[in-house]
Amino acid sequence: MAADVHAERVNAALSTLLSPHLAQASGETIPDVAVLMRLFSRALRATKEQMIKADEAHEAELGDDEPARKARDQAFEELYAELVTQREVLTGLYGAAVAAQVMPSETPRDPVVLARFSRTVEKNLAEIPLPASRVKGATLNAADVKATLTGMREALEARIETVSREVREAQTTQVAKRQSMDSYDGMFGGVAGLLSHLLLVAGERDLATQVKPSARRPGQTAIQADEKPEPSESQTTG
């Protein structure tokens, strides 16, 4: 806004300042500083809009993560509960030793580890022969249990992959957001610094101070960052 508002004033002041120094024989002319300032203003505004779009894209991508995580967590809880139930059934029908053969460790509470554990249980159900049941008339159909676990495990793995994909996509939009922020900060510092110096040379010291970029906080003016102006030489040597 400062570049647009003060463009003509700066252009006039610099024309007055620099006209006496033109090399007439070389056909030199005063450049149109007003146009330059307005162009930089538009470039800065466009860079800011790109940053906003990148931020919105990242936020939208993060918004997609929650449903995927909920679906994964639900699939995890269902498979976990089924494995716990089958361990109890195995223990009741065949004893703790047989249950430990089929399920050789505690049931994991991590989705990825649980899926691997289920694969092991499925393999053991197919390969380890079950002894006679300790409960008369009650048996376990290992093939049916294996099929149930396989279906639930595959559903969990699919949801784990979905979450992983969402994480990768969020990382991509995060990088794009960071790059757009860096681009804006660089453009802001350059444009604000140039404008501040042009205003200063044009004799507009107060305006120059208002648009001077912060040395500590990219994308802000020194005033916005609450930076105190450096003391002048007369103040430090008085």
Protein backbone atom coordinates (compact mmCIF):
# COMPACT_ATOMS: atom_id res chain seq x y z
CA MET A 1 0.00 0.00 0.00
CA ALA A 2 2.83 2.39 0.86
CA ALA A 3 4.42 1.74 -2.53
CA ASP A 4 1.17 2.53 -4.33
CA VAL A 5 0.30 5.59 -2.26
CA HIS A 6 3.71 7.28 -2.31
CA ALA A 7 4.91 6.24 -5.77
CA GLU A 8 4.27 9.58 -7.49
CA ARG A 9 5.67 11.61 -4.58
CA VAL A 10 8.89 9.60 -4.54
CA ASN A 11 9.16 9.76 -8.31
CA ALA A 12 8.83 13.55 -8.29
CA ALA A 13 11.36 13.99 -5.48
CA LEU A 14 13.91 11.73 -7.12
CA SER A 15 13.42 13.43 -10.48
CA THR A 16 14.22 16.78 -8.84
CA LEU A 17 17.20 15.27 -7.02
CA LEU A 18 18.71 13.41 -9.96
CA SER A 19 17.88 15.58 -13.00
CA PRO A 20 20.94 17.83 -12.53
CA HIS A 21 23.16 14.77 -12.77
CA LEU A 22 21.92 13.46 -16.12
CA ALA A 23 24.51 13.11 -18.86
CA GLN A 24 22.67 15.06 -21.55
CA ALA A 25 25.11 14.09 -24.26
CA SER A 26 24.41 10.42 -23.66
CA GLY A 27 20.65 10.88 -23.90
CA GLU A 28 20.07 9.74 -20.32
CA THR A 29 16.60 10.15 -18.82
CA ILE A 30 15.18 9.82 -15.35
CA PRO A 31 13.69 6.34 -14.87
CA ASP A 32 10.04 6.15 -13.88
CA VAL A 33 10.46 5.15 -10.24
CA ALA A 34 6.69 5.31 -9.69
CA VAL A 35 6.13 2.45 -12.14
CA LEU A 36 8.94 0.47 -10.53
CA MET A 37 7.43 0.89 -7.08
CA ARG A 38 3.97 -0.16 -8.27
CA LEU A 39 5.39 -3.21 -10.01
CA PHE A 40 7.20 -4.28 -6.86
CA SER A 41 3.97 -3.76 -4.92
CA ARG A 42 2.09 -6.07 -7.28
CA ALA A 43 4.87 -8.66 -7.17
CA LEU A 44 4.78 -8.64 -3.37
CA ARG A 45 1.00 -8.95 -3.32
CA ALA A 46 1.13 -11.89 -5.75
CA THR A 47 3.76 -13.62 -3.61
CA LYS A 48 1.56 -13.14 -0.55
CA GLU A 49 -1.43 -14.64 -2.34
CA GLN A 50 0.66 -17.67 -3.32
CA MET A 51 1.68 -18.09 0.32
CA ILE A 52 -1.95 -17.95 1.44
CA LYS A 53 -2.96 -20.56 -1.14
CA ALA A 54 -0.12 -22.85 -0.04
CA ASP A 55 -1.22 -22.49 3.59
CA GLU A 56 -4.83 -23.25 2.70
CA ALA A 57 -3.76 -26.30 0.69
CA HIS A 58 -1.75 -27.59 3.65
CA GLU A 59 -4.63 -27.04 6.08
CA ALA A 60 -7.01 -28.84 3.70
CA GLU A 61 -4.59 -31.74 3.49
CA LEU A 62 -4.33 -31.95 7.27
CA GLY A 63 -8.12 -31.99 7.41
CA ASP A 64 -8.10 -35.20 5.37
CA ASP A 65 -5.90 -36.96 7.91
CA GLU A 66 -8.39 -37.27 10.76
CA PRO A 67 -10.99 -39.48 8.98
CA ALA A 68 -8.19 -41.76 7.75
CA ARG A 69 -6.74 -42.07 11.23
CA LYS A 70 -10.16 -42.81 12.74
CA ALA A 71 -10.77 -45.54 10.16
CA ARG A 72 -7.35 -47.06 10.88
CA ASP A 73 -7.94 -46.93 14.64
CA GLN A 74 -11.33 -48.60 14.26
CA ALA A 75 -9.86 -51.40 12.15
CA PHE A 76 -7.07 -51.79 14.70
CA GLU A 77 -9.49 -52.09 17.63
CA GLU A 78 -11.60 -54.66 15.80
CA LEU A 79 -8.61 -56.86 14.93
CA TYR A 80 -7.15 -56.44 18.42
CA ALA A 81 -10.41 -57.50 20.04
CA GLU A 82 -10.69 -60.52 17.73
CA LEU A 83 -7.17 -61.68 18.53
CA VAL A 84 -7.76 -61.29 22.25
CA THR A 85 -10.97 -63.30 21.94
CA GLN A 86 -9.30 -66.06 19.95
CA ARG A 87 -6.49 -66.29 22.50
CA GLU A 88 -9.11 -66.82 25.21
CA VAL A 89 -10.85 -69.45 23.11
CA LEU A 90 -7.60 -71.28 22.40
CA THR A 91 -6.66 -71.21 26.06
CA GLY A 92 -10.06 -72.48 27.14
CA LEU A 93 -10.22 -75.29 24.58
CA TYR A 94 -6.59 -76.41 24.36
CA GLY A 95 -4.70 -74.86 27.26
CA ALA A 96 -2.24 -72.03 27.70
CA ALA A 97 0.66 -73.94 26.10
CA VAL A 98 -1.18 -74.39 22.80
CA ALA A 99 -2.41 -70.80 22.86
CA ALA A 100 1.20 -69.65 23.32
CA GLN A 101 2.27 -71.71 20.31
CA VAL A 102 -0.33 -70.09 18.07
CA MET A 103 0.09 -66.63 19.62
CA PRO A 104 3.74 -66.51 20.70
CA SER A 105 3.66 -63.05 22.31
CA GLU A 106 1.34 -60.51 23.86
CA THR A 107 -1.16 -58.88 21.54
CA PRO A 108 0.53 -55.62 20.33
CA ARG A 109 -1.09 -52.22 20.77
CA ASP A 110 0.58 -50.69 17.71
CA PRO A 111 -1.39 -50.97 14.43
CA VAL A 112 1.59 -51.91 12.24
CA VAL A 113 2.95 -54.40 14.75
CA LEU A 114 -0.51 -55.85 15.28
CA ALA A 115 -0.89 -56.52 11.56
CA ARG A 116 2.44 -58.38 11.56
CA PHE A 117 1.41 -60.31 14.66
CA SER A 118 -1.85 -61.33 12.99
CA ARG A 119 0.10 -62.64 10.00
CA THR A 120 2.08 -64.87 12.36
CA VAL A 121 -1.09 -66.12 14.05
CA GLU A 122 -2.71 -66.84 10.68
CA LYS A 123 0.37 -68.82 9.59
CA ASN A 124 0.41 -70.78 12.85
CA LEU A 125 -3.29 -71.62 12.60
CA ALA A 126 -2.61 -73.11 9.17
CA GLU A 127 0.49 -75.07 10.22
CA ILE A 128 0.13 -76.06 13.88
CA PRO A 129 -2.21 -79.03 14.45
CA LEU A 130 -4.58 -78.49 17.33
CA PRO A 131 -4.91 -81.29 19.92
CA ALA A 132 -8.16 -82.72 21.20
CA SER A 133 -10.32 -80.16 22.89
CA ARG A 134 -10.47 -80.09 26.67
CA VAL A 135 -14.16 -79.16 26.41
CA LYS A 136 -16.37 -81.99 25.25
CA GLY A 137 -18.16 -81.18 21.99
CA ALA A 138 -16.35 -77.85 21.53
CA THR A 139 -13.68 -77.36 18.86
CA LEU A 140 -12.06 -74.49 17.01
CA ASN A 141 -12.29 -74.30 13.22
CA ALA A 142 -8.77 -73.02 12.56
CA ALA A 143 -9.48 -72.35 8.87
CA ASP A 144 -12.49 -70.17 9.67
CA VAL A 145 -10.58 -68.24 12.34
CA LYS A 146 -7.66 -67.76 9.96
CA ALA A 147 -10.00 -66.43 7.25
CA THR A 148 -11.61 -64.01 9.70
CA LEU A 149 -8.26 -62.71 10.90
CA THR A 150 -6.96 -62.39 7.34
CA GLY A 151 -9.91 -60.24 6.29
CA MET A 152 -9.62 -57.99 9.32
CA ARG A 153 -5.84 -57.73 9.01
CA GLU A 154 -6.04 -56.81 5.32
CA ALA A 155 -8.59 -54.11 6.15
CA LEU A 156 -6.23 -52.73 8.80
CA GLU A 157 -3.24 -52.79 6.44
CA ALA A 158 -5.23 -50.91 3.81
CA ARG A 159 -6.11 -48.21 6.33
CA ILE A 160 -2.51 -48.05 7.56
CA GLU A 161 -1.41 -47.41 3.98
CA THR A 162 -4.04 -44.70 3.60
CA VAL A 163 -2.73 -42.94 6.70
CA SER A 164 0.84 -43.27 5.44
CA ARG A 165 -0.19 -41.74 2.12
CA GLU A 166 -1.91 -38.87 3.91
CA VAL A 167 1.25 -38.27 5.95
CA ARG A 168 3.36 -38.15 2.79
CA GLU A 169 0.92 -35.76 1.14
CA ALA A 170 0.90 -33.54 4.22
CA GLN A 171 4.69 -33.48 4.17
CA THR A 172 4.57 -32.38 0.53
CA THR A 173 2.14 -29.53 1.23
CA GLN A 174 4.17 -28.58 4.32
CA VAL A 175 7.29 -28.23 2.17
CA ALA A 176 5.36 -26.16 -0.39
CA LYS A 177 4.00 -23.96 2.41
CA ARG A 178 7.47 -23.45 3.89
CA GLN A 179 8.92 -22.58 0.49
CA SER A 180 6.13 -20.08 -0.22
CA MET A 181 6.67 -18.48 3.19
CA ASP A 182 10.40 -18.19 2.55
CA SER A 183 9.67 -16.70 -0.88
CA TYR A 184 7.30 -14.15 0.62
CA ASP A 185 9.69 -13.24 3.44
CA GLY A 186 12.49 -12.70 0.94
CA MET A 187 10.30 -10.63 -1.35
CA PHE A 188 8.93 -8.61 1.56
CA GLY A 189 12.40 -7.82 2.88
CA GLY A 190 13.63 -6.78 -0.55
CA VAL A 191 10.61 -4.66 -1.48
CA ALA A 192 10.27 -3.04 1.95
CA GLY A 193 14.00 -2.36 2.08
CA LEU A 194 14.03 -0.83 -1.39
CA LEU A 195 10.98 1.29 -0.66
CA SER A 196 12.42 2.45 2.64
CA HIS A 197 15.64 3.55 0.98
CA LEU A 198 13.82 5.29 -1.88
CA LEU A 199 11.69 7.20 0.62
CA LEU A 200 14.76 8.10 2.62
CA VAL A 201 16.61 9.44 -0.43
CA ALA A 202 13.46 11.30 -1.44
CA GLY A 203 13.51 13.09 1.91
CA GLU A 204 10.60 11.17 3.48
CA ARG A 205 12.41 10.00 6.61
CA ASP A 206 9.28 9.28 8.67
CA LEU A 207 7.70 7.25 5.89
CA ALA A 208 10.97 5.41 5.37
CA THR A 209 10.97 4.42 9.03
CA GLN A 210 7.41 3.11 8.80
CA VAL A 211 8.17 0.67 5.97
CA LYS A 212 11.69 -0.35 7.00
CA PRO A 213 11.81 -4.17 7.21
CA SER A 214 12.52 -5.88 10.50
CA ALA A 215 16.03 -7.24 10.96
CA ARG A 216 14.76 -9.96 13.30
CA ARG A 217 11.34 -11.00 12.03
CA PRO A 218 10.99 -11.81 8.32
CA GLY A 219 7.81 -10.57 6.68
CA GLN A 220 7.31 -7.69 9.12
CA THR A 221 8.34 -4.06 9.31
CA ALA A 222 10.59 -2.92 12.12
CA ILE A 223 7.66 -1.08 13.66
CA GLN A 224 5.47 -4.21 13.58
CA ALA A 225 8.30 -6.13 15.25
CA ASP A 226 8.56 -3.36 17.87
CA GLU A 227 12.20 -2.72 17.02
CA LYS A 228 13.64 0.52 18.34
CA PRO A 229 15.40 2.71 15.78
CA GLU A 230 19.16 2.81 16.07
CA PRO A 231 20.46 6.02 17.67
CA SER A 232 21.96 8.56 15.33
CA GLU A 233 25.64 9.46 15.47
CA SER A 234 24.84 12.75 17.21
CA GLN A 235 22.99 10.86 19.95
CA THR A 236 25.85 8.44 20.57
CA THR A 237 28.65 11.03 20.60
CA GLY A 238 26.97 13.86 22.48
